[in-house]
Amino acid sequence: MEQRTARLTILIDPRKKRIFEEICAAQDLRSSQVVRKLIKQYIIEHAGNRPLPDWLTAQPGKSNSDAEAGKPEI
């Protein structure tokens, strides 16, 4: 599990930012939640042969012990 947070500053077209924030709000999500999810997906999809920590690849709502024991996701 992630222990700390770090700030990431990005520059984005104001029109895209407004639309993005509107969509996030409509889904009752904060924009930072969506950005973190996008970054996680990008890392997993583009890691190649790089080993990734279990906390990064674990399924939400599924404990690591369940994943290791091969228990099916409910």
C-alpha atoms as a PDB file:
ATOM      1  CA  MET A   1       0.000   0.000   0.000  1.00  0.00           C
ATOM      2  CA  GLU A   2       1.172   3.506  -0.730  1.00  0.00           C
ATOM      3  CA  GLN A   3       2.597   5.208   2.327  1.00  0.00           C
ATOM      4  CA  ARG A   4       3.320   8.770   1.184  1.00  0.00           C
ATOM      5  CA  THR A   5       2.129  11.233  -1.365  1.00  0.00           C
ATOM      6  CA  ALA A   6       4.145  13.386  -3.737  1.00  0.00           C
ATOM      7  CA  ARG A   7       2.977  16.400  -5.682  1.00  0.00           C
ATOM      8  CA  LEU A   8       2.851  16.259  -9.483  1.00  0.00           C
ATOM      9  CA  THR A   9       2.228  19.521 -11.291  1.00  0.00           C
ATOM     10  CA  ILE A  10       0.994  19.374 -14.875  1.00  0.00           C
ATOM     11  CA  LEU A  11       0.051  21.985 -17.433  1.00  0.00           C
ATOM     12  CA  ILE A  12      -3.198  21.329 -19.261  1.00  0.00           C
ATOM     13  CA  ASP A  13      -5.398  23.243 -21.654  1.00  0.00           C
ATOM     14  CA  PRO A  14      -7.996  25.082 -19.531  1.00  0.00           C
ATOM     15  CA  ARG A  15     -10.859  23.808 -21.707  1.00  0.00           C
ATOM     16  CA  LYS A  16      -9.789  20.189 -21.227  1.00  0.00           C
ATOM     17  CA  LYS A  17      -9.375  20.785 -17.489  1.00  0.00           C
ATOM     18  CA  ARG A  18     -12.889  22.182 -17.189  1.00  0.00           C
ATOM     19  CA  ILE A  19     -14.422  19.261 -19.098  1.00  0.00           C
ATOM     20  CA  PHE A  20     -12.344  16.756 -17.100  1.00  0.00           C
ATOM     21  CA  GLU A  21     -13.427  18.269 -13.783  1.00  0.00           C
ATOM     22  CA  GLU A  22     -17.076  18.336 -14.885  1.00  0.00           C
ATOM     23  CA  ILE A  23     -16.957  14.651 -15.802  1.00  0.00           C
ATOM     24  CA  CYS A  24     -15.201  13.754 -12.550  1.00  0.00           C
ATOM     25  CA  ALA A  25     -17.799  15.675 -10.543  1.00  0.00           C
ATOM     26  CA  ALA A  26     -20.633  13.959 -12.416  1.00  0.00           C
ATOM     27  CA  GLN A  27     -19.146  10.619 -11.337  1.00  0.00           C
ATOM     28  CA  ASP A  28     -18.671  11.867  -7.743  1.00  0.00           C
ATOM     29  CA  LEU A  29     -14.887  11.577  -8.070  1.00  0.00           C
ATOM     30  CA  ARG A  30     -12.105  14.046  -7.370  1.00  0.00           C
ATOM     31  CA  SER A  31      -9.854  14.773 -10.312  1.00  0.00           C
ATOM     32  CA  SER A  32      -6.836  13.611  -8.298  1.00  0.00           C
ATOM     33  CA  GLN A  33      -8.464  10.178  -7.803  1.00  0.00           C
ATOM     34  CA  VAL A  34      -8.894   9.795 -11.553  1.00  0.00           C
ATOM     35  CA  VAL A  35      -5.355  10.968 -12.312  1.00  0.00           C
ATOM     36  CA  ARG A  36      -3.911   8.477  -9.800  1.00  0.00           C
ATOM     37  CA  LYS A  37      -5.926   5.681 -11.420  1.00  0.00           C
ATOM     38  CA  LEU A  38      -4.749   6.704 -14.899  1.00  0.00           C
ATOM     39  CA  ILE A  39      -1.112   6.782 -13.752  1.00  0.00           C
ATOM     40  CA  LYS A  40      -1.453   3.340 -12.149  1.00  0.00           C
ATOM     41  CA  GLN A  41      -2.982   1.908 -15.338  1.00  0.00           C
ATOM     42  CA  TYR A  42      -0.236   3.481 -17.458  1.00  0.00           C
ATOM     43  CA  ILE A  43       2.522   2.050 -15.263  1.00  0.00           C
ATOM     44  CA  ILE A  44       1.018  -1.452 -15.356  1.00  0.00           C
ATOM     45  CA  GLU A  45       0.438  -1.371 -19.125  1.00  0.00           C
ATOM     46  CA  HIS A  46       3.875   0.000 -20.012  1.00  0.00           C
ATOM     47  CA  ALA A  47       6.172  -1.549 -17.400  1.00  0.00           C
ATOM     48  CA  GLY A  48       7.439  -4.157 -19.828  1.00  0.00           C
ATOM     49  CA  ASN A  49       9.601  -6.669 -17.972  1.00  0.00           C
ATOM     50  CA  ARG A  50      10.096  -4.356 -14.997  1.00  0.00           C
ATOM     51  CA  PRO A  51       8.972  -6.079 -11.781  1.00  0.00           C
ATOM     52  CA  LEU A  52       6.129  -4.242 -10.058  1.00  0.00           C
ATOM     53  CA  PRO A  53       5.298  -4.337  -6.345  1.00  0.00           C
ATOM     54  CA  ASP A  54       2.252  -6.338  -5.243  1.00  0.00           C
ATOM     55  CA  TRP A  55       0.518  -3.248  -3.845  1.00  0.00           C
ATOM     56  CA  LEU A  56       0.553  -1.716  -7.320  1.00  0.00           C
ATOM     57  CA  THR A  57      -0.883  -4.706  -9.140  1.00  0.00           C
ATOM     58  CA  ALA A  58      -3.385  -5.879  -6.491  1.00  0.00           C
ATOM     59  CA  GLN A  59      -7.076  -5.811  -7.417  1.00  0.00           C
ATOM     60  CA  PRO A  60      -9.145  -3.286  -5.428  1.00  0.00           C
ATOM     61  CA  GLY A  61     -11.251  -4.966  -2.748  1.00  0.00           C
ATOM     62  CA  LYS A  62      -9.090  -8.076  -2.840  1.00  0.00           C
ATOM     63  CA  SER A  63      -6.495  -8.593  -0.133  1.00  0.00           C
ATOM     64  CA  ASN A  64      -3.002  -9.731  -1.054  1.00  0.00           C
ATOM     65  CA  SER A  65      -3.515 -12.927   0.952  1.00  0.00           C
ATOM     66  CA  ASP A  66      -6.604 -13.734  -1.160  1.00  0.00           C
ATOM     67  CA  ALA A  67      -4.681 -13.085  -4.357  1.00  0.00           C
ATOM     68  CA  GLU A  68      -1.771 -15.259  -3.234  1.00  0.00           C
ATOM     69  CA  ALA A  69      -4.093 -18.098  -2.182  1.00  0.00           C
ATOM     70  CA  GLY A  70      -5.798 -18.016  -5.572  1.00  0.00           C
ATOM     71  CA  LYS A  71      -9.194 -17.217  -4.069  1.00  0.00           C
ATOM     72  CA  PRO A  72     -11.692 -16.059  -6.673  1.00  0.00           C
ATOM     73  CA  GLU A  73     -12.819 -12.439  -6.661  1.00  0.00           C
ATOM     74  CA  ILE A  74     -16.403 -12.043  -5.466  1.00  0.00           C
END
